[in-house]
Protein backbone atom coordinates (compact mmCIF):
# COMPACT_ATOMS: atom_id res chain seq x y z
CA UNK A 1 8.45 -4.09 47.96
CA UNK A 2 6.58 -2.46 45.02
CA UNK A 3 8.58 0.74 45.53
CA UNK A 4 11.85 -1.12 44.89
CA UNK A 5 10.37 -2.56 41.72
CA UNK A 6 9.26 0.86 40.45
CA UNK A 7 12.65 2.43 41.30
CA UNK A 8 14.17 -0.08 38.94
CA UNK A 9 12.53 1.73 35.99
CA UNK A 10 14.54 4.95 36.46
CA UNK A 11 17.78 3.71 34.78
CA UNK A 12 15.88 3.76 31.49
CA UNK A 13 15.99 7.56 31.71
CA UNK A 14 19.77 7.52 31.22
CA UNK A 15 19.50 5.40 28.07
CA UNK A 16 16.75 7.63 26.67
CA UNK A 17 18.93 10.70 27.33
CA UNK A 18 21.78 9.11 25.39
CA UNK A 19 19.45 8.39 22.45
CA UNK A 20 18.01 11.91 22.45
CA UNK A 21 21.49 13.36 22.37
CA UNK A 22 21.86 11.96 18.85
CA UNK A 23 20.57 14.95 16.92
CA UNK A 24 19.80 14.79 13.19
CA UNK A 25 22.94 16.85 12.44
CA UNK A 26 25.13 13.91 13.39
CA UNK A 27 23.85 11.74 10.56
CA UNK A 28 22.76 14.22 7.88
CA UNK A 29 24.39 14.10 4.48
CA UNK A 30 24.86 16.83 1.91
CA UNK A 31 22.33 17.06 -0.92
CA UNK A 32 23.40 16.38 -4.50
CA UNK A 33 21.79 16.34 -7.94
CA UNK A 34 22.65 14.57 -11.18
CA UNK A 35 21.66 15.65 -14.68
CA UNK A 36 21.52 13.26 -17.63
CA UNK A 37 20.63 13.78 -21.26
CA UNK A 38 19.05 10.94 -23.19
CA UNK A 39 20.38 10.62 -25.80
CA UNK A 40 23.50 12.66 -25.12
CA UNK A 41 24.57 12.81 -28.75
CA UNK A 42 23.11 12.49 -32.22
CA UNK A 43 22.18 14.30 -35.39
CA UNK A 44 20.13 17.48 -35.46
CA UNK A 45 17.36 18.11 -34.80
CA UNK A 46 18.05 16.06 -31.66
CA UNK A 47 15.22 15.70 -29.10
CA UNK A 48 16.90 15.15 -25.71
CA UNK A 49 15.20 14.14 -22.47
CA UNK A 50 16.89 15.98 -19.59
CA UNK A 51 16.38 14.25 -16.24
CA UNK A 52 17.45 15.68 -12.88
CA UNK A 53 17.64 13.31 -9.89
CA UNK A 54 18.22 14.84 -6.46
CA UNK A 55 19.45 12.96 -3.39
CA UNK A 56 18.23 14.81 -0.31
CA UNK A 57 16.76 13.58 2.98
CA UNK A 58 14.85 16.83 3.58
CA UNK A 59 11.17 17.16 2.74
CA UNK A 60 9.16 19.91 1.09
CA UNK A 61 8.61 21.26 -2.43
CA UNK A 62 11.58 21.83 -4.75
CA UNK A 63 12.19 24.30 -7.59
CA UNK A 64 14.17 23.19 -10.65
CA UNK A 65 15.92 25.77 -12.89
CA UNK A 66 16.90 24.26 -16.27
CA UNK A 67 19.07 25.90 -18.92
CA UNK A 68 19.40 24.34 -22.37
CA UNK A 69 22.94 25.72 -22.72
CA UNK A 70 24.85 27.25 -19.81
CA UNK A 71 28.54 26.46 -19.56
CA UNK A 72 29.36 27.54 -16.01
CA UNK A 73 32.84 26.39 -14.91
CA UNK A 74 32.39 27.99 -11.47
CA UNK A 75 29.37 25.71 -10.88
CA UNK A 76 27.19 28.53 -9.55
CA UNK A 77 24.20 27.50 -7.38
CA UNK A 78 22.47 30.92 -7.35
CA UNK A 79 20.13 31.20 -10.37
CA UNK A 80 20.09 35.02 -10.30
CA UNK A 81 23.85 35.13 -10.96
CA UNK A 82 23.42 33.27 -14.26
CA UNK A 83 20.67 35.40 -15.83
CA UNK A 84 23.09 37.71 -17.63
CA UNK A 85 25.35 34.94 -18.94
CA UNK A 86 22.82 32.18 -19.67
CA UNK A 87 19.53 34.03 -19.94
CA UNK A 88 16.30 33.73 -17.98
CA UNK A 89 15.17 30.10 -17.68
CA UNK A 90 11.55 31.27 -17.79
CA UNK A 91 12.18 32.01 -21.48
CA UNK A 92 11.39 28.76 -23.32
CA UNK A 93 14.23 29.42 -25.76
CA UNK A 94 16.69 29.53 -22.84
CA UNK A 95 15.33 26.95 -20.44
CA UNK A 96 12.44 26.01 -18.18
CA UNK A 97 11.51 26.36 -14.50
CA UNK A 98 9.59 23.78 -12.48
CA UNK A 99 8.20 25.37 -9.28
CA UNK A 100 6.98 23.58 -6.13
CA UNK A 101 7.76 20.08 -7.36
CA UNK A 102 7.13 17.39 -4.73
CA UNK A 103 9.30 14.79 -6.45
CA UNK A 104 13.05 14.17 -6.31
CA UNK A 105 13.08 13.65 -10.08
CA UNK A 106 12.16 16.12 -12.84
CA UNK A 107 12.23 15.35 -16.58
CA UNK A 108 11.64 17.54 -19.62
CA UNK A 109 12.44 17.47 -23.32
CA UNK A 110 14.27 19.94 -25.55
CA UNK A 111 15.24 19.70 -29.22
CA UNK A 112 18.80 20.75 -30.01
CA UNK A 113 19.73 22.06 -33.48
CA UNK A 114 23.09 22.69 -35.07
CA UNK A 115 23.95 24.98 -38.03
CA UNK A 116 27.60 23.88 -38.09
CA UNK A 117 29.23 20.55 -38.72
CA UNK A 118 29.06 19.81 -35.01
CA UNK A 119 27.86 21.59 -31.85
CA UNK A 120 28.26 21.10 -28.14
CA UNK A 121 25.80 22.27 -25.53
CA UNK A 122 26.08 22.25 -21.75
CA UNK A 123 22.71 21.72 -20.09
CA UNK A 124 22.54 22.93 -16.50
CA UNK A 125 20.13 22.53 -13.59
CA UNK A 126 19.96 24.24 -10.20
CA UNK A 127 17.64 22.86 -7.50
CA UNK A 128 16.43 25.00 -4.60
CA UNK A 129 14.29 24.06 -1.63
CA UNK A 130 16.24 21.18 -0.11
CA UNK A 131 18.75 21.31 2.69
CA UNK A 132 21.08 23.31 0.40
CA UNK A 133 21.08 24.52 -3.22
CA UNK A 134 22.71 22.10 -5.65
CA UNK A 135 23.60 22.11 -9.34
CA UNK A 136 24.66 19.76 -12.13
CA UNK A 137 25.62 19.98 -15.80
CA UNK A 138 25.41 17.61 -18.76
CA UNK A 139 27.19 17.78 -22.12
CA UNK A 140 25.08 17.38 -25.27
CA UNK A 141 26.83 16.80 -28.63
CA UNK A 142 24.92 17.43 -31.86
CA UNK A 143 26.04 16.97 -35.45
CA UNK A 144 24.37 18.94 -38.22
CA UNK A 145 22.10 17.13 -40.68
CA UNK A 146 19.29 18.32 -42.83
CA UNK A 147 16.03 16.57 -42.22
CA UNK A 148 14.53 14.88 -45.20
CA UNK A 149 11.96 17.38 -46.41
CA UNK A 150 10.11 14.63 -48.22
CA UNK A 151 9.59 12.66 -44.99
CA UNK A 152 5.90 13.08 -44.25
CA UNK A 153 5.33 9.62 -42.76
CA UNK A 154 4.56 9.47 -39.05
CA UNK A 155 6.28 6.87 -36.86
CA UNK A 156 4.43 3.60 -36.51
CA UNK A 157 3.74 2.43 -32.94
CA UNK A 158 3.69 -1.30 -32.17
CA UNK A 159 3.74 -3.70 -29.21
CA UNK A 160 1.88 -1.27 -26.96
CA UNK A 161 1.87 -2.72 -23.44
CA UNK A 162 0.41 -3.63 -21.04
CA UNK A 163 -2.75 -5.22 -22.34
CA UNK A 164 -5.36 -7.40 -20.72
CA UNK A 165 -5.37 -7.59 -16.91
CA UNK A 166 -2.79 -6.87 -14.22
CA UNK A 167 -3.29 -7.97 -10.61
CA UNK A 168 -3.36 -5.26 -7.97
CA UNK A 169 -0.01 -4.58 -6.35
CA UNK A 170 1.96 -5.48 -9.48
CA UNK A 171 4.18 -2.83 -11.07
CA UNK A 172 2.70 -1.38 -14.29
CA UNK A 173 5.08 -0.37 -17.12
CA UNK A 174 3.89 1.46 -20.22
CA UNK A 175 5.98 0.46 -23.24
CA UNK A 176 5.95 0.62 -27.03
CA UNK A 177 8.24 0.29 -30.04
CA UNK A 178 8.58 2.71 -32.97
CA UNK A 179 9.83 1.83 -36.42
CA UNK A 180 12.09 4.89 -36.53
CA UNK A 181 13.90 7.14 -34.08
CA UNK A 182 11.32 9.18 -32.20
CA UNK A 183 10.49 10.86 -28.91
CA UNK A 184 7.30 9.52 -27.33
CA UNK A 185 4.92 11.04 -24.77
CA UNK A 186 1.76 9.81 -23.06
CA UNK A 187 -1.39 11.25 -21.48
CA UNK A 188 -4.66 10.09 -19.97
CA UNK A 189 -6.65 12.22 -22.47
CA UNK A 190 -6.70 12.13 -26.27
CA UNK A 191 -4.38 15.11 -26.87
CA UNK A 192 -2.09 16.41 -29.60
CA UNK A 193 1.56 15.51 -29.25
CA UNK A 194 2.54 19.12 -28.54
CA UNK A 195 0.18 19.23 -25.51
CA UNK A 196 1.31 15.98 -23.92
CA UNK A 197 3.79 16.53 -21.05
CA UNK A 198 4.76 13.07 -19.76
CA UNK A 199 7.74 11.65 -21.66
CA UNK A 200 8.74 8.00 -22.12
CA UNK A 201 12.28 6.91 -21.32
CA UNK A 202 13.96 5.81 -24.53
CA UNK A 203 16.85 3.50 -25.38
CA UNK A 204 19.93 4.75 -27.22
CA UNK A 205 18.58 3.63 -30.60
CA UNK A 206 15.44 5.74 -30.09
CA UNK A 207 13.13 2.80 -30.86
CA UNK A 208 12.20 1.28 -27.50
CA UNK A 209 10.19 3.44 -25.11
CA UNK A 210 9.15 2.56 -21.53
CA UNK A 211 7.78 4.36 -18.50
CA UNK A 212 6.98 2.90 -15.05
CA UNK A 213 3.70 3.90 -13.39
CA UNK A 214 4.20 1.86 -10.20
CA UNK A 215 1.19 0.04 -8.74
CA UNK A 216 -2.32 1.22 -9.61
CA UNK A 217 -5.72 0.84 -7.98
CA UNK A 218 -8.35 -1.58 -9.25
CA UNK A 219 -10.06 -0.25 -12.36
CA UNK A 220 -9.91 0.12 -16.15
CA UNK A 221 -7.18 2.31 -17.66
CA UNK A 222 -6.56 3.92 -21.07
CA UNK A 223 -3.41 5.84 -21.97
CA UNK A 224 -2.85 7.77 -25.19
CA UNK A 225 0.68 7.65 -26.66
CA UNK A 226 2.16 10.02 -29.22
CA UNK A 227 5.57 9.73 -30.95
CA UNK A 228 7.32 12.37 -33.10
CA UNK A 229 10.23 11.78 -35.48
CA UNK A 230 13.01 14.24 -36.39
CA UNK A 231 10.96 15.56 -39.32
CA UNK A 232 8.14 16.58 -36.97
CA UNK A 233 5.71 13.83 -37.98
CA UNK A 234 3.66 12.46 -35.09
CA UNK A 235 2.03 9.05 -34.78
CA UNK A 236 -0.44 7.93 -32.11
CA UNK A 237 -1.66 4.81 -30.33
CA UNK A 238 -3.65 3.75 -27.26
CA UNK A 239 -2.83 1.41 -24.39
CA UNK A 240 -5.78 -0.29 -22.70
CA UNK A 241 -5.61 -2.55 -19.67
CA UNK A 242 -7.29 -3.19 -16.35
CA UNK A 243 -6.14 -3.81 -12.79
CA UNK A 244 -8.04 -6.55 -10.97
CA UNK A 245 -8.04 -8.12 -7.53
CA UNK A 246 -5.96 -11.21 -6.88
CA UNK A 247 -8.04 -14.16 -8.14
CA UNK A 248 -9.36 -16.49 -5.46
CA UNK A 249 -8.45 -20.15 -6.16
CA UNK A 250 -11.44 -22.21 -7.19
CA UNK A 251 -12.84 -24.52 -4.53
CA UNK A 252 -12.17 -28.21 -5.13
CA UNK A 253 -15.18 -30.21 -6.26
CA UNK A 254 -17.33 -31.34 -3.38
CA UNK A 255 -17.09 -34.96 -2.42
CA UNK A 256 -20.10 -37.12 -2.10
CA UNK A 257 -21.14 -37.70 1.49
CA UNK A 258 -20.83 -41.30 2.60
CA UNK A 259 -24.06 -42.87 3.75
CA UNK A 260 -24.68 -41.99 7.40
CA UNK A 261 -25.50 -44.70 9.89
CA UNK A 262 -29.13 -44.59 10.91
CA UNK A 263 -30.29 -44.57 14.52
CA UNK A 264 -31.99 -47.97 14.04
CA UNK A 265 -28.79 -49.52 12.70
CA UNK A 266 -26.88 -48.02 15.56
CA UNK A 267 -29.28 -49.55 18.10
CA UNK A 268 -29.02 -52.93 16.52
CA UNK A 269 -25.26 -52.83 16.79
CA UNK A 270 -25.36 -51.97 20.49
CA UNK A 271 -25.40 -54.64 23.16
CA UNK A 272 -28.73 -55.81 24.54
CA UNK A 273 -29.88 -55.65 28.16
CA UNK A 274 -31.15 -52.05 28.53
CA UNK A 275 -33.37 -51.08 31.47
CA UNK A 276 -35.00 -47.89 32.70
CA UNK A 277 -31.96 -46.80 34.73
CA UNK A 278 -29.74 -47.52 31.77
CA UNK A 279 -26.62 -48.59 33.70
CA UNK A 280 -24.83 -49.20 30.42
CA UNK A 281 -24.97 -46.43 27.79
CA UNK A 282 -24.79 -48.08 24.44
CA UNK A 283 -22.87 -46.07 21.89
CA UNK A 284 -22.08 -46.15 18.23
CA UNK A 285 -20.65 -43.54 15.91
CA UNK A 286 -22.37 -41.87 12.98
CA UNK A 287 -20.74 -39.99 10.12
CA UNK A 288 -22.52 -36.87 8.90
CA UNK A 289 -21.73 -34.20 6.28
CA UNK A 290 -21.63 -30.62 7.55
CA UNK A 291 -22.13 -28.96 4.11
CA UNK A 292 -18.55 -27.67 3.91
CA UNK A 293 -16.82 -30.73 2.49
CA UNK A 294 -16.07 -31.99 6.02
CA UNK A 295 -17.26 -35.26 7.49
CA UNK A 296 -17.94 -34.96 11.22
CA UNK A 297 -18.32 -37.90 13.57
CA UNK A 298 -20.96 -38.13 16.27
CA UNK A 299 -21.42 -40.52 19.19
CA UNK A 300 -25.03 -41.57 19.56
CA UNK A 301 -26.05 -42.44 23.13
CA UNK A 302 -29.18 -44.53 23.50
CA UNK A 303 -31.00 -45.07 26.81
CA UNK A 304 -34.58 -46.00 27.53
CA UNK A 305 -35.97 -44.95 24.19
CA UNK A 306 -34.13 -41.59 24.18
CA UNK A 307 -30.90 -40.64 22.40
CA UNK A 308 -28.59 -37.68 22.10
CA UNK A 309 -25.51 -36.97 20.04
CA UNK A 310 -22.09 -35.53 20.84
CA UNK A 311 -18.86 -35.11 18.92
CA UNK A 312 -16.36 -37.95 19.01
CA UNK A 313 -12.66 -37.79 18.11
CA UNK A 314 -12.48 -41.16 16.38
CA UNK A 315 -14.83 -43.54 14.71
CA UNK A 316 -15.14 -46.94 16.43
CA UNK A 317 -14.52 -49.78 14.04
CA UNK A 318 -16.63 -52.87 13.81
CA UNK A 319 -14.34 -54.52 16.31
CA UNK A 320 -14.67 -51.63 18.76
CA UNK A 321 -11.24 -50.03 18.13
CA UNK A 322 -10.40 -46.63 16.73
CA UNK A 323 -10.43 -45.96 13.02
CA UNK A 324 -7.37 -46.40 10.89
CA UNK A 325 -5.14 -43.42 10.03
CA UNK A 326 -6.59 -41.08 7.42
CA UNK A 327 -10.06 -40.91 8.96
CA UNK A 328 -11.23 -37.30 9.48
CA UNK A 329 -10.92 -36.27 13.11
CA UNK A 330 -11.48 -33.12 15.13
CA UNK A 331 -8.20 -31.37 15.99
CA UNK A 332 -7.82 -29.11 18.98
CA UNK A 333 -4.99 -26.73 19.76
CA UNK A 334 -4.15 -23.98 22.22
CA UNK A 335 -2.01 -20.86 22.29
CA UNK A 336 0.32 -20.41 25.24
CA UNK A 337 0.53 -17.04 26.95
CA UNK A 338 3.81 -15.47 25.72
CA UNK A 339 4.29 -13.89 29.20
CA UNK A 340 3.90 -17.21 30.95
CA UNK A 341 1.85 -17.54 34.12
CA UNK A 342 1.11 -13.87 34.87
CA UNK A 343 -1.64 -14.44 37.38
CA UNK A 344 -0.82 -11.51 39.68
CA UNK A 345 0.29 -7.93 39.30
CA UNK A 346 3.55 -8.69 41.10
CA UNK A 347 4.44 -11.37 38.56
CA UNK A 348 3.59 -9.04 35.66
CA UNK A 349 5.71 -6.22 37.17
CA UNK A 350 8.60 -8.61 37.68
CA UNK A 351 8.49 -9.67 34.01
CA UNK A 352 8.37 -6.03 32.85
CA UNK A 353 11.41 -5.22 35.01
CA UNK A 354 13.34 -8.18 33.58
CA UNK A 355 12.44 -7.02 30.06
CA UNK A 356 13.71 -3.48 30.72
CA UNK A 357 16.89 -4.84 32.29
CA UNK A 358 17.80 -6.96 29.29
CA UNK A 359 16.83 -4.23 26.81
CA UNK A 360 19.14 -1.84 28.69
CA UNK A 361 21.94 -4.40 28.69
CA UNK A 362 21.55 -4.80 24.91
CA UNK A 363 21.38 -1.05 24.20
CA UNK A 364 24.44 -0.14 26.29
CA UNK A 365 27.12 -1.70 23.99
CA UNK A 366 25.26 -0.39 20.93
CA UNK A 367 25.41 3.17 22.29
CA UNK A 368 29.10 2.80 23.09
CA UNK A 369 29.75 1.66 19.51
CA UNK A 370 27.74 4.61 18.13
CA UNK A 371 29.70 7.03 20.33
CA UNK A 372 32.99 5.53 19.19
CA UNK A 373 31.93 5.83 15.55
CA UNK A 374 30.96 9.48 16.06
CA UNK A 375 34.32 10.14 17.70
CA UNK A 376 36.17 8.59 14.74
CA UNK A 377 34.27 10.63 12.11
CA UNK A 378 34.34 13.87 14.13
CA UNK A 379 37.39 15.08 12.13
CA UNK A 380 38.53 17.10 15.11
CA UNK A 381 35.23 18.97 15.50
CA UNK A 382 34.95 20.00 19.18
CA UNK A 383 31.15 19.82 19.10
CA UNK A 384 31.05 16.24 17.77
CA UNK A 385 33.83 15.11 20.13
CA UNK A 386 31.92 16.55 23.08
CA UNK A 387 28.73 14.93 21.83
CA UNK A 388 30.44 11.51 21.67
CA UNK A 389 31.82 11.95 25.20
CA UNK A 390 28.35 12.75 26.54
CA UNK A 391 26.91 9.62 24.99
CA UNK A 392 29.65 7.49 26.56
CA UNK A 393 29.16 9.11 29.99
CA UNK A 394 25.36 8.76 29.92
CA UNK A 395 25.57 5.17 28.73
CA UNK A 396 28.09 4.13 31.40
CA UNK A 397 26.06 5.85 34.14
CA UNK A 398 22.87 4.18 32.91
CA UNK A 399 24.58 0.77 32.79
CA UNK A 400 25.95 1.17 36.34
CA UNK A 401 22.58 2.27 37.73
CA UNK A 402 20.89 -0.57 35.85
CA UNK A 403 23.16 -3.17 37.46
CA UNK A 404 22.95 -1.57 40.91
CA UNK A 405 19.15 -1.39 40.73
CA UNK A 406 18.91 -5.05 39.76
CA UNK A 407 21.22 -6.02 42.59
CA UNK A 408 19.38 -3.73 45.04
CA UNK A 409 16.08 -5.45 44.34
CA UNK A 410 17.65 -8.86 44.93
CA UNK A 411 19.32 -7.74 48.20
CA UNK A 412 16.09 -6.17 49.55
CA UNK A 413 14.13 -9.32 48.74
CA UNK A 414 16.68 -11.39 50.69
CA UNK A 415 16.69 -9.02 53.71
CA UNK A 416 12.92 -8.71 53.90
CA UNK A 417 12.54 -12.43 53.37
CA UNK A 418 10.29 -12.28 50.36
CA UNK A 419 10.69 -15.02 47.82
CA UNK A 420 11.10 -13.65 44.29
CA UNK A 421 8.07 -14.25 42.13
CA UNK A 422 8.95 -15.51 38.69
């Protein structure tokens, strides 16, 4: 009988085979990268934050090749083929290279100048290290202006946030406002603006600056901010805050304990006529405070000069009945076994078999839908069409075996004369 139960588990192999046949190539998507300049236009000198965002499901370090100006209509993705036309990105006057970056976003800042009435630059990025090399370009427009040589006033920083305390798990955003157009950076050490590397995101007017740090651990934090205007003047400020644990709500004020009934008073309230055998156990109920703002009720049993106490679920009233609603009572509850009455191994095995049967019945239509979807998007590819056919065949075979196995167990139980155990 146990052999027929165990044989029932084999149809799961067919469903597992169908799932394993879904290789990662069937659902992979091509990598892509976007490049944005913020701001994308303005008067020179124009500090622009170039941000590259890559969409790629692969893992591993990435290398970003940035060019400040590289108009490449052919959209080349091999950096070595652009060295002659656009220069070496390792040269800071031509671009910048970020090697072994473990993030899907890379940001840097470059100041664009213009000696004519207007200039256009095409920033370019190539990203290597993902599933395939990708590239993107961004147009930067700059109009020529002469910076005010008499401007020696540094930008003023205000409304530096956050301040005070943030609870753990909350998102932390660094933000500040400048009184003139500026590019702002931040660091965890008191550094000169030219040394700082982390750049704030800035609004189009160049006055509002914000950067998200995500959630931080519990502790005290200090960040140093520096902002530079178009004339090269730099102003500084500090952001101080702390991250704390979630406050625990204060306990409600303790209530005064009602006067407990004494043993003597309890005896007086009990009926007379005791004897040594104590055929009648006189009882009354006491109320005591347990020290945790709970009032517990005890039954006091008195017999032959001795007494003991036990918990009672309700307080008898003066007339002998239960207390009115609202009186504190002990509450009991139980948790039912989610598997039901599994008192024997045979019952447990039967429940496992039923679980596998219904899981298989639920997976079968899902696999057929997946196979049909793969067939539709195969675009005539023989490999994907064959893959979809295999999934359909394996799923149908598994479903047939699943139904036959379930029926076989029922037939054998009837022939042998064993009553199914539920």
